[in-house]
C-alpha atoms as a PDB file:
ATOM      1  CA  UNK A   1     -14.121 -17.599 -35.408  1.00  0.00           C
ATOM      2  CA  UNK A   2     -11.112 -17.443 -33.107  1.00  0.00           C
ATOM      3  CA  UNK A   3     -10.811 -13.702 -33.699  1.00  0.00           C
ATOM      4  CA  UNK A   4     -14.484 -13.267 -32.780  1.00  0.00           C
ATOM      5  CA  UNK A   5     -14.035 -15.209 -29.550  1.00  0.00           C
ATOM      6  CA  UNK A   6     -10.992 -13.111 -28.725  1.00  0.00           C
ATOM      7  CA  UNK A   7     -13.036  -9.926 -29.177  1.00  0.00           C
ATOM      8  CA  UNK A   8     -15.748 -11.299 -26.880  1.00  0.00           C
ATOM      9  CA  UNK A   9     -13.189 -12.132 -24.181  1.00  0.00           C
ATOM     10  CA  UNK A  10     -11.629  -8.669 -24.428  1.00  0.00           C
ATOM     11  CA  UNK A  11     -15.085  -7.063 -24.173  1.00  0.00           C
ATOM     12  CA  UNK A  12     -16.036  -9.114 -21.099  1.00  0.00           C
ATOM     13  CA  UNK A  13     -12.724  -8.319 -19.385  1.00  0.00           C
ATOM     14  CA  UNK A  14     -13.139  -4.634 -20.194  1.00  0.00           C
ATOM     15  CA  UNK A  15     -16.668  -4.511 -18.761  1.00  0.00           C
ATOM     16  CA  UNK A  16     -15.578  -6.485 -15.703  1.00  0.00           C
ATOM     17  CA  UNK A  17     -12.694  -4.090 -15.093  1.00  0.00           C
ATOM     18  CA  UNK A  18     -15.007  -1.079 -15.364  1.00  0.00           C
ATOM     19  CA  UNK A  19     -17.546  -2.559 -12.937  1.00  0.00           C
ATOM     20  CA  UNK A  20     -14.839  -3.548 -10.439  1.00  0.00           C
ATOM     21  CA  UNK A  21     -13.221  -0.134 -10.654  1.00  0.00           C
ATOM     22  CA  UNK A  22     -16.539   1.654 -10.054  1.00  0.00           C
ATOM     23  CA  UNK A  23     -17.406  -0.481  -7.012  1.00  0.00           C
ATOM     24  CA  UNK A  24     -15.905   1.454  -4.145  1.00  0.00           C
ATOM     25  CA  UNK A  25     -17.649   0.656  -0.886  1.00  0.00           C
ATOM     26  CA  UNK A  26     -16.913   2.909   2.073  1.00  0.00           C
ATOM     27  CA  UNK A  27     -17.459   1.323   5.528  1.00  0.00           C
ATOM     28  CA  UNK A  28     -20.354   2.847   7.477  1.00  0.00           C
ATOM     29  CA  UNK A  29     -18.132   3.881  10.373  1.00  0.00           C
ATOM     30  CA  UNK A  30     -15.929   5.816   7.932  1.00  0.00           C
ATOM     31  CA  UNK A  31     -18.901   7.571   6.339  1.00  0.00           C
ATOM     32  CA  UNK A  32     -19.734   9.074   9.726  1.00  0.00           C
ATOM     33  CA  UNK A  33     -16.254  10.555  10.264  1.00  0.00           C
ATOM     34  CA  UNK A  34     -16.232  14.354  10.438  1.00  0.00           C
ATOM     35  CA  UNK A  35     -13.412  16.880  10.334  1.00  0.00           C
ATOM     36  CA  UNK A  36     -11.667  17.555  13.650  1.00  0.00           C
ATOM     37  CA  UNK A  37     -11.667  21.334  13.041  1.00  0.00           C
ATOM     38  CA  UNK A  38     -13.845  23.992  11.430  1.00  0.00           C
ATOM     39  CA  UNK A  39     -12.933  24.678   7.802  1.00  0.00           C
ATOM     40  CA  UNK A  40     -11.270  28.079   7.385  1.00  0.00           C
ATOM     41  CA  UNK A  41     -10.237  30.230   4.395  1.00  0.00           C
ATOM     42  CA  UNK A  42      -6.606  29.346   5.165  1.00  0.00           C
ATOM     43  CA  UNK A  43      -7.447  25.636   4.939  1.00  0.00           C
ATOM     44  CA  UNK A  44      -9.222  26.221   1.634  1.00  0.00           C
ATOM     45  CA  UNK A  45      -6.198  28.101   0.299  1.00  0.00           C
ATOM     46  CA  UNK A  46      -3.861  25.300   1.357  1.00  0.00           C
ATOM     47  CA  UNK A  47      -6.283  22.768  -0.145  1.00  0.00           C
ATOM     48  CA  UNK A  48      -6.252  24.615  -3.454  1.00  0.00           C
ATOM     49  CA  UNK A  49      -2.454  24.380  -3.607  1.00  0.00           C
ATOM     50  CA  UNK A  50      -2.558  20.680  -2.717  1.00  0.00           C
ATOM     51  CA  UNK A  51      -5.271  20.062  -5.304  1.00  0.00           C
ATOM     52  CA  UNK A  52      -3.237  21.730  -8.060  1.00  0.00           C
ATOM     53  CA  UNK A  53      -0.232  19.590  -7.201  1.00  0.00           C
ATOM     54  CA  UNK A  54      -1.843  16.223  -6.525  1.00  0.00           C
ATOM     55  CA  UNK A  55      -5.333  16.082  -8.063  1.00  0.00           C
ATOM     56  CA  UNK A  56      -5.760  18.482 -10.955  1.00  0.00           C
ATOM     57  CA  UNK A  57      -3.932  16.312 -13.501  1.00  0.00           C
ATOM     58  CA  UNK A  58      -6.746  13.732 -13.245  1.00  0.00           C
ATOM     59  CA  UNK A  59      -9.807  15.606 -11.947  1.00  0.00           C
ATOM     60  CA  UNK A  60      -9.151  18.772 -13.943  1.00  0.00           C
ATOM     61  CA  UNK A  61     -10.027  22.330 -12.915  1.00  0.00           C
ATOM     62  CA  UNK A  62     -12.776  22.447 -10.338  1.00  0.00           C
ATOM     63  CA  UNK A  63     -16.118  23.215 -11.977  1.00  0.00           C
ATOM     64  CA  UNK A  64     -14.753  23.070 -15.547  1.00  0.00           C
ATOM     65  CA  UNK A  65     -15.637  19.453 -16.479  1.00  0.00           C
ATOM     66  CA  UNK A  66     -12.187  18.942 -18.007  1.00  0.00           C
ATOM     67  CA  UNK A  67     -11.017  15.840 -16.164  1.00  0.00           C
ATOM     68  CA  UNK A  68      -8.605  13.333 -17.721  1.00  0.00           C
ATOM     69  CA  UNK A  69      -9.969  10.633 -20.029  1.00  0.00           C
ATOM     70  CA  UNK A  70      -9.481   7.660 -17.727  1.00  0.00           C
ATOM     71  CA  UNK A  71     -11.467   4.535 -16.872  1.00  0.00           C
ATOM     72  CA  UNK A  72     -13.361   4.939 -14.644  1.00  0.00           C
ATOM     73  CA  UNK A  73     -13.685   8.715 -15.280  1.00  0.00           C
ATOM     74  CA  UNK A  74     -12.290  10.753 -12.351  1.00  0.00           C
ATOM     75  CA  UNK A  75     -15.111  13.270 -12.625  1.00  0.00           C
ATOM     76  CA  UNK A  76     -15.331  16.891 -11.495  1.00  0.00           C
ATOM     77  CA  UNK A  77     -15.185  17.087  -7.686  1.00  0.00           C
ATOM     78  CA  UNK A  78     -17.240  20.289  -7.729  1.00  0.00           C
ATOM     79  CA  UNK A  79     -20.242  18.418  -9.157  1.00  0.00           C
ATOM     80  CA  UNK A  80     -23.106  16.710  -7.321  1.00  0.00           C
ATOM     81  CA  UNK A  81     -21.729  13.152  -7.599  1.00  0.00           C
ATOM     82  CA  UNK A  82     -18.773  14.092  -5.395  1.00  0.00           C
ATOM     83  CA  UNK A  83     -20.475  16.759  -3.306  1.00  0.00           C
ATOM     84  CA  UNK A  84     -23.284  14.410  -2.206  1.00  0.00           C
ATOM     85  CA  UNK A  85     -20.766  12.261  -0.380  1.00  0.00           C
ATOM     86  CA  UNK A  86     -20.143  12.814   3.315  1.00  0.00           C
ATOM     87  CA  UNK A  87     -16.873  14.334   4.454  1.00  0.00           C
ATOM     88  CA  UNK A  88     -15.976  10.919   5.866  1.00  0.00           C
ATOM     89  CA  UNK A  89     -16.501   9.213   2.502  1.00  0.00           C
ATOM     90  CA  UNK A  90     -14.321  11.723   0.692  1.00  0.00           C
ATOM     91  CA  UNK A  91     -11.634  11.518   3.380  1.00  0.00           C
ATOM     92  CA  UNK A  92     -11.672   7.696   3.178  1.00  0.00           C
ATOM     93  CA  UNK A  93     -11.302   7.710  -0.601  1.00  0.00           C
ATOM     94  CA  UNK A  94      -8.455  10.225  -0.511  1.00  0.00           C
ATOM     95  CA  UNK A  95      -6.740   8.185   2.199  1.00  0.00           C
ATOM     96  CA  UNK A  96      -7.060   4.669   0.767  1.00  0.00           C
ATOM     97  CA  UNK A  97      -7.232   5.312  -2.982  1.00  0.00           C
ATOM     98  CA  UNK A  98      -8.377   2.798  -5.583  1.00  0.00           C
ATOM     99  CA  UNK A  99      -6.832   2.086  -8.996  1.00  0.00           C
ATOM    100  CA  UNK A 100      -6.219   4.259 -10.923  1.00  0.00           C
ATOM    101  CA  UNK A 101      -6.368   6.766  -8.044  1.00  0.00           C
ATOM    102  CA  UNK A 102      -3.371   6.474  -5.700  1.00  0.00           C
ATOM    103  CA  UNK A 103      -3.681   6.342  -1.930  1.00  0.00           C
ATOM    104  CA  UNK A 104      -2.559   9.503  -0.164  1.00  0.00           C
ATOM    105  CA  UNK A 105      -2.234   8.240   3.415  1.00  0.00           C
ATOM    106  CA  UNK A 106       1.567   8.205   3.079  1.00  0.00           C
ATOM    107  CA  UNK A 107       1.742  11.302   0.862  1.00  0.00           C
ATOM    108  CA  UNK A 108      -0.475  13.856   2.596  1.00  0.00           C
ATOM    109  CA  UNK A 109      -0.938  14.336   6.327  1.00  0.00           C
ATOM    110  CA  UNK A 110      -4.418  14.139   7.858  1.00  0.00           C
ATOM    111  CA  UNK A 111      -4.539  17.939   8.112  1.00  0.00           C
ATOM    112  CA  UNK A 112      -3.651  18.262   4.427  1.00  0.00           C
ATOM    113  CA  UNK A 113      -6.343  15.763   3.441  1.00  0.00           C
ATOM    114  CA  UNK A 114      -8.936  17.755   5.382  1.00  0.00           C
ATOM    115  CA  UNK A 115      -7.674  20.932   3.693  1.00  0.00           C
ATOM    116  CA  UNK A 116      -8.373  19.290   0.331  1.00  0.00           C
ATOM    117  CA  UNK A 117     -11.946  18.622   1.440  1.00  0.00           C
ATOM    118  CA  UNK A 118     -12.295  22.204   2.684  1.00  0.00           C
ATOM    119  CA  UNK A 119     -11.279  23.397  -0.800  1.00  0.00           C
ATOM    120  CA  UNK A 120     -13.742  21.006  -2.460  1.00  0.00           C
ATOM    121  CA  UNK A 121     -16.595  22.188  -0.242  1.00  0.00           C
ATOM    122  CA  UNK A 122     -15.931  25.821  -1.184  1.00  0.00           C
ATOM    123  CA  UNK A 123     -17.559  24.995  -4.547  1.00  0.00           C
ATOM    124  CA  UNK A 124     -20.806  23.858  -2.895  1.00  0.00           C
ATOM    125  CA  UNK A 125     -22.944  26.799  -1.669  1.00  0.00           C
ATOM    126  CA  UNK A 126     -25.400  24.365  -0.042  1.00  0.00           C
ATOM    127  CA  UNK A 127     -22.760  22.648   2.059  1.00  0.00           C
ATOM    128  CA  UNK A 128     -23.066  22.947   5.836  1.00  0.00           C
ATOM    129  CA  UNK A 129     -20.140  21.502   7.746  1.00  0.00           C
ATOM    130  CA  UNK A 130     -21.036  19.083  10.576  1.00  0.00           C
ATOM    131  CA  UNK A 131     -19.855  20.066  14.028  1.00  0.00           C
ATOM    132  CA  UNK A 132     -16.144  19.198  14.293  1.00  0.00           C
ATOM    133  CA  UNK A 133     -15.158  16.243  16.448  1.00  0.00           C
ATOM    134  CA  UNK A 134     -11.574  16.383  17.629  1.00  0.00           C
ATOM    135  CA  UNK A 135      -9.694  13.094  17.707  1.00  0.00           C
ATOM    136  CA  UNK A 136      -8.861  11.842  21.136  1.00  0.00           C
ATOM    137  CA  UNK A 137      -5.293  12.799  21.881  1.00  0.00           C
ATOM    138  CA  UNK A 138      -3.130  10.098  23.401  1.00  0.00           C
ATOM    139  CA  UNK A 139       0.278  11.772  23.459  1.00  0.00           C
ATOM    140  CA  UNK A 140       2.425  10.295  26.157  1.00  0.00           C
ATOM    141  CA  UNK A 141       0.555   7.002  26.398  1.00  0.00           C
ATOM    142  CA  UNK A 142       2.536   3.788  26.522  1.00  0.00           C
ATOM    143  CA  UNK A 143       0.662   1.368  24.293  1.00  0.00           C
ATOM    144  CA  UNK A 144       1.202  -2.376  23.916  1.00  0.00           C
ATOM    145  CA  UNK A 145      -0.500  -4.453  21.238  1.00  0.00           C
ATOM    146  CA  UNK A 146      -1.474  -8.114  21.372  1.00  0.00           C
ATOM    147  CA  UNK A 147      -2.934 -10.262  18.610  1.00  0.00           C
ATOM    148  CA  UNK A 148      -5.007 -13.404  18.224  1.00  0.00           C
ATOM    149  CA  UNK A 149      -7.349 -14.991  15.717  1.00  0.00           C
ATOM    150  CA  UNK A 150     -11.025 -15.107  16.632  1.00  0.00           C
ATOM    151  CA  UNK A 151     -12.462 -18.225  15.037  1.00  0.00           C
ATOM    152  CA  UNK A 152     -16.117 -17.298  15.752  1.00  0.00           C
ATOM    153  CA  UNK A 153     -15.617 -13.862  14.166  1.00  0.00           C
ATOM    154  CA  UNK A 154     -13.255 -15.168  11.461  1.00  0.00           C
ATOM    155  CA  UNK A 155     -11.154 -12.083  12.087  1.00  0.00           C
ATOM    156  CA  UNK A 156      -7.746 -11.154  13.455  1.00  0.00           C
ATOM    157  CA  UNK A 157      -8.305  -9.397  16.769  1.00  0.00           C
ATOM    158  CA  UNK A 158      -5.754  -6.815  17.929  1.00  0.00           C
ATOM    159  CA  UNK A 159      -5.993  -5.611  21.529  1.00  0.00           C
ATOM    160  CA  UNK A 160      -4.328  -2.421  22.754  1.00  0.00           C
ATOM    161  CA  UNK A 161      -3.456  -1.862  26.399  1.00  0.00           C
ATOM    162  CA  UNK A 162      -1.833   1.157  27.995  1.00  0.00           C
ATOM    163  CA  UNK A 163       0.093   1.833  31.151  1.00  0.00           C
ATOM    164  CA  UNK A 164      -1.909   3.989  33.542  1.00  0.00           C
ATOM    165  CA  UNK A 165      -0.576   6.624  35.922  1.00  0.00           C
ATOM    166  CA  UNK A 166      -0.921   4.322  38.932  1.00  0.00           C
ATOM    167  CA  UNK A 167       1.286   1.749  37.214  1.00  0.00           C
ATOM    168  CA  UNK A 168      -1.615  -0.506  36.311  1.00  0.00           C
ATOM    169  CA  UNK A 169      -2.607  -1.487  32.787  1.00  0.00           C
ATOM    170  CA  UNK A 170      -5.888  -0.618  31.123  1.00  0.00           C
ATOM    171  CA  UNK A 171      -7.559  -1.093  27.754  1.00  0.00           C
ATOM    172  CA  UNK A 172      -6.591   1.609  25.245  1.00  0.00           C
ATOM    173  CA  UNK A 173      -9.405   2.955  23.087  1.00  0.00           C
ATOM    174  CA  UNK A 174      -9.045   5.376  20.176  1.00  0.00           C
ATOM    175  CA  UNK A 175      -5.732   3.914  18.986  1.00  0.00           C
ATOM    176  CA  UNK A 176      -5.308   3.590  15.222  1.00  0.00           C
ATOM    177  CA  UNK A 177      -3.881   0.170  14.340  1.00  0.00           C
ATOM    178  CA  UNK A 178      -2.454  -1.230  11.099  1.00  0.00           C
ATOM    179  CA  UNK A 179      -2.062  -4.942  10.309  1.00  0.00           C
ATOM    180  CA  UNK A 180       0.620  -6.354   8.004  1.00  0.00           C
ATOM    181  CA  UNK A 181       1.397  -9.824   6.648  1.00  0.00           C
ATOM    182  CA  UNK A 182       4.917 -10.843   5.651  1.00  0.00           C
ATOM    183  CA  UNK A 183       5.456 -11.517   1.955  1.00  0.00           C
ATOM    184  CA  UNK A 184       8.575 -12.358  -0.105  1.00  0.00           C
ATOM    185  CA  UNK A 185       9.637  -8.759  -0.682  1.00  0.00           C
ATOM    186  CA  UNK A 186       8.364  -7.016   2.432  1.00  0.00           C
ATOM    187  CA  UNK A 187       5.103  -6.540   4.311  1.00  0.00           C
ATOM    188  CA  UNK A 188       1.644  -6.195   2.780  1.00  0.00           C
ATOM    189  CA  UNK A 189      -1.032  -4.222   4.610  1.00  0.00           C
ATOM    190  CA  UNK A 190      -4.175  -6.177   5.451  1.00  0.00           C
ATOM    191  CA  UNK A 191      -7.380  -4.157   5.231  1.00  0.00           C
ATOM    192  CA  UNK A 192      -7.667  -0.532   6.282  1.00  0.00           C
ATOM    193  CA  UNK A 193      -6.553   1.271   9.408  1.00  0.00           C
ATOM    194  CA  UNK A 194      -8.781   0.342  12.349  1.00  0.00           C
ATOM    195  CA  UNK A 195      -9.435   2.301  15.551  1.00  0.00           C
ATOM    196  CA  UNK A 196      -9.687   0.377  18.817  1.00  0.00           C
ATOM    197  CA  UNK A 197     -13.091   0.463  20.491  1.00  0.00           C
ATOM    198  CA  UNK A 198     -13.937   0.959  24.182  1.00  0.00           C
ATOM    199  CA  UNK A 199     -12.633  -2.563  24.858  1.00  0.00           C
ATOM    200  CA  UNK A 200      -9.318  -1.690  23.223  1.00  0.00           C
ATOM    201  CA  UNK A 201     -10.041  -4.033  20.328  1.00  0.00           C
ATOM    202  CA  UNK A 202      -9.698  -3.669  16.557  1.00  0.00           C
ATOM    203  CA  UNK A 203     -10.923  -6.487  14.304  1.00  0.00           C
ATOM    204  CA  UNK A 204      -9.416  -7.147  10.870  1.00  0.00           C
ATOM    205  CA  UNK A 205     -10.947  -9.330   8.180  1.00  0.00           C
ATOM    206  CA  UNK A 206      -8.264 -11.674   6.856  1.00  0.00           C
ATOM    207  CA  UNK A 207      -8.298 -12.694   3.166  1.00  0.00           C
ATOM    208  CA  UNK A 208      -9.405 -16.300   2.943  1.00  0.00           C
ATOM    209  CA  UNK A 209      -7.231 -16.973  -0.109  1.00  0.00           C
ATOM    210  CA  UNK A 210      -3.937 -15.558   1.185  1.00  0.00           C
ATOM    211  CA  UNK A 211      -1.230 -18.257   0.880  1.00  0.00           C
ATOM    212  CA  UNK A 212       0.781 -19.354   3.889  1.00  0.00           C
ATOM    213  CA  UNK A 213       3.569 -21.890   4.312  1.00  0.00           C
ATOM    214  CA  UNK A 214       3.162 -25.669   4.054  1.00  0.00           C
ATOM    215  CA  UNK A 215       1.105 -25.721   7.252  1.00  0.00           C
ATOM    216  CA  UNK A 216      -0.832 -22.561   6.389  1.00  0.00           C
ATOM    217  CA  UNK A 217       1.001 -20.301   8.845  1.00  0.00           C
ATOM    218  CA  UNK A 218       1.421 -16.607   8.051  1.00  0.00           C
ATOM    219  CA  UNK A 219       3.514 -14.020   9.888  1.00  0.00           C
ATOM    220  CA  UNK A 220       1.487 -11.012  11.034  1.00  0.00           C
ATOM    221  CA  UNK A 221       2.549  -7.710  12.585  1.00  0.00           C
ATOM    222  CA  UNK A 222       0.254  -5.108  14.136  1.00  0.00           C
ATOM    223  CA  UNK A 223       1.531  -1.569  14.718  1.00  0.00           C
ATOM    224  CA  UNK A 224       0.157   1.779  15.819  1.00  0.00           C
ATOM    225  CA  UNK A 225      -0.588   3.962  12.786  1.00  0.00           C
ATOM    226  CA  UNK A 226       1.138   7.061  14.172  1.00  0.00           C
ATOM    227  CA  UNK A 227       3.844   5.983  16.624  1.00  0.00           C
ATOM    228  CA  UNK A 228       4.892   9.627  17.092  1.00  0.00           C
ATOM    229  CA  UNK A 229       1.702  10.253  19.055  1.00  0.00           C
ATOM    230  CA  UNK A 230       2.660   7.823  21.822  1.00  0.00           C
ATOM    231  CA  UNK A 231       5.591   7.805  24.150  1.00  0.00           C
ATOM    232  CA  UNK A 232       6.260   4.151  23.479  1.00  0.00           C
ATOM    233  CA  UNK A 233       4.552   1.446  21.470  1.00  0.00           C
ATOM    234  CA  UNK A 234       5.152  -2.301  21.392  1.00  0.00           C
ATOM    235  CA  UNK A 235       3.964  -3.946  18.145  1.00  0.00           C
ATOM    236  CA  UNK A 236       2.342  -7.353  18.136  1.00  0.00           C
ATOM    237  CA  UNK A 237       3.823 -10.231  16.140  1.00  0.00           C
ATOM    238  CA  UNK A 238       2.130 -13.563  15.603  1.00  0.00           C
ATOM    239  CA  UNK A 239       2.486 -16.665  13.458  1.00  0.00           C
ATOM    240  CA  UNK A 240      -1.061 -17.879  12.863  1.00  0.00           C
ATOM    241  CA  UNK A 241      -2.344 -20.864  10.862  1.00  0.00           C
ATOM    242  CA  UNK A 242      -4.985 -18.889   8.980  1.00  0.00           C
ATOM    243  CA  UNK A 243      -3.525 -18.910   5.446  1.00  0.00           C
ATOM    244  CA  UNK A 244      -3.903 -21.366   2.596  1.00  0.00           C
ATOM    245  CA  UNK A 245      -1.310 -24.174   2.942  1.00  0.00           C
ATOM    246  CA  UNK A 246       1.125 -23.672   0.070  1.00  0.00           C
ATOM    247  CA  UNK A 247       4.069 -25.932  -0.731  1.00  0.00           C
ATOM    248  CA  UNK A 248       5.854 -23.480  -2.960  1.00  0.00           C
ATOM    249  CA  UNK A 249       9.660 -23.581  -3.321  1.00  0.00           C
ATOM    250  CA  UNK A 250      11.580 -20.463  -2.429  1.00  0.00           C
ATOM    251  CA  UNK A 251      12.869 -18.175  -5.148  1.00  0.00           C
ATOM    252  CA  UNK A 252      16.351 -19.726  -4.932  1.00  0.00           C
ATOM    253  CA  UNK A 253      15.260 -23.351  -4.552  1.00  0.00           C
ATOM    254  CA  UNK A 254      14.927 -23.875  -8.297  1.00  0.00           C
ATOM    255  CA  UNK A 255      17.154 -22.972 -11.211  1.00  0.00           C
ATOM    256  CA  UNK A 256      17.499 -19.215 -11.232  1.00  0.00           C
ATOM    257  CA  UNK A 257      19.962 -16.598 -12.449  1.00  0.00           C
ATOM    258  CA  UNK A 258      20.536 -15.216  -8.974  1.00  0.00           C
ATOM    259  CA  UNK A 259      20.849 -18.602  -7.261  1.00  0.00           C
ATOM    260  CA  UNK A 260      23.829 -20.849  -6.553  1.00  0.00           C
ATOM    261  CA  UNK A 261      25.921 -22.490  -9.289  1.00  0.00           C
ATOM    262  CA  UNK A 262      24.262 -25.849  -8.670  1.00  0.00           C
ATOM    263  CA  UNK A 263      20.837 -24.340  -9.431  1.00  0.00           C
ATOM    264  CA  UNK A 264      21.854 -22.128 -12.352  1.00  0.00           C
ATOM    265  CA  UNK A 265      20.434 -23.060 -15.795  1.00  0.00           C
ATOM    266  CA  UNK A 266      22.754 -25.228 -17.892  1.00  0.00           C
ATOM    267  CA  UNK A 267      22.779 -22.756 -20.781  1.00  0.00           C
ATOM    268  CA  UNK A 268      23.902 -20.003 -18.402  1.00  0.00           C
ATOM    269  CA  UNK A 269      26.811 -22.167 -17.214  1.00  0.00           C
ATOM    270  CA  UNK A 270      27.836 -23.033 -20.803  1.00  0.00           C
ATOM    271  CA  UNK A 271      27.562 -19.415 -21.944  1.00  0.00           C
ATOM    272  CA  UNK A 272      29.569 -18.174 -18.980  1.00  0.00           C
ATOM    273  CA  UNK A 273      32.268 -20.837 -19.475  1.00  0.00           C
ATOM    274  CA  UNK A 274      32.531 -20.162 -23.202  1.00  0.00           C
ATOM    275  CA  UNK A 275      32.740 -16.402 -22.585  1.00  0.00           C
ATOM    276  CA  UNK A 276      35.568 -16.875 -20.085  1.00  0.00           C
ATOM    277  CA  UNK A 277      37.485 -19.115 -22.512  1.00  0.00           C
ATOM    278  CA  UNK A 278      37.075 -16.594 -25.343  1.00  0.00           C
ATOM    279  CA  UNK A 279      38.274 -13.713 -23.160  1.00  0.00           C
ATOM    280  CA  UNK A 280      41.323 -15.598 -21.918  1.00  0.00           C
ATOM    281  CA  UNK A 281      42.033 -16.867 -25.428  1.00  0.00           C
ATOM    282  CA  UNK A 282      41.953 -13.286 -26.714  1.00  0.00           C
ATOM    283  CA  UNK A 283      44.264 -12.151 -23.910  1.00  0.00           C
ATOM    284  CA  UNK A 284      46.651 -15.027 -24.731  1.00  0.00           C
ATOM    285  CA  UNK A 285      46.605 -14.096 -28.411  1.00  0.00           C
ATOM    286  CA  UNK A 286      47.532 -10.494 -27.558  1.00  0.00           C
ATOM    287  CA  UNK A 287      50.384 -11.650 -25.278  1.00  0.00           C
ATOM    288  CA  UNK A 288      51.747 -14.021 -27.944  1.00  0.00           C
ATOM    289  CA  UNK A 289      51.527 -11.278 -30.565  1.00  0.00           C
ATOM    290  CA  UNK A 290      53.507  -8.887 -28.340  1.00  0.00           C
ATOM    291  CA  UNK A 291      56.173 -11.527 -27.718  1.00  0.00           C
ATOM    292  CA  UNK A 292      56.360 -12.276 -31.441  1.00  0.00           C
ATOM    293  CA  UNK A 293      56.786  -8.571 -32.229  1.00  0.00           C
ATOM    294  CA  UNK A 294      59.583  -8.282 -29.654  1.00  0.00           C
ATOM    295  CA  UNK A 295      61.300 -11.354 -31.105  1.00  0.00           C
ATOM    296  CA  UNK A 296      61.106  -9.970 -34.615  1.00  0.00           C
ATOM    297  CA  UNK A 297      62.463  -6.630 -33.387  1.00  0.00           C
ATOM    298  CA  UNK A 298      65.492  -8.284 -31.833  1.00  0.00           C
ATOM    299  CA  UNK A 299      66.096 -10.266 -35.020  1.00  0.00           C
ATOM    300  CA  UNK A 300      66.063  -7.085 -37.093  1.00  0.00           C
ATOM    301  CA  UNK A 301      68.482  -5.492 -34.668  1.00  0.00           C
END
């Protein structure tokens, strides 16, 4: 009976994992994104090289239906299921990834990701590329970020301002912003990259179950996605009470191997002490043996 129940649990978990893995919702604003340039044969050639290096091991050869046996199945990107997606959907999925597919935002540049799509589209004779829309360039802008929590929206609101030529400050639209929350071993990104609107604002949904400190405070940092495209950027830092209050001791507050002697487990202390005594006892035995040999040698002489 127990074995049967175990099988049922494994089956439910397996089905749940498959359903969760196949649910990959792309935001509407990302679906509408189009390439900033017209696809060219050179882009397709570059995309083919990138595909062979980064994608072929899972998705297989384009048009050959020989993808890797994974769950969920990667599928053939030359087929209708992939080709029916908009360029924005494909670009979003390549950028953000979803287990077991890795995210490529920190591996491939935006141009390389668009080259991948250009290569994919070369297998679709019915594909007609939408008119390119170049991203607004903001090289040389001096951008400053500010952050607050909007209780009515239940979102973290990041506002970008820029220094204008006349020395005044104005709202900065078209700036890509990333939001991070501080965790034990670094910073965890919250949500996807957002682009500021005409009001210079980017709104991030904050996980309702993310733990904070005893009072529920979490440390947040907002940065510009590509700081190289601005002359100067000032990130926003805030300590907001929007997390779940968590009274959890630090990693070194309880008994731990890497903590202080007072917090170390008793068996570790006993083992360490015994090991030291054995080592020094062995060294003493060797020294006494040497002295005994010398004494015997003198007696023989």
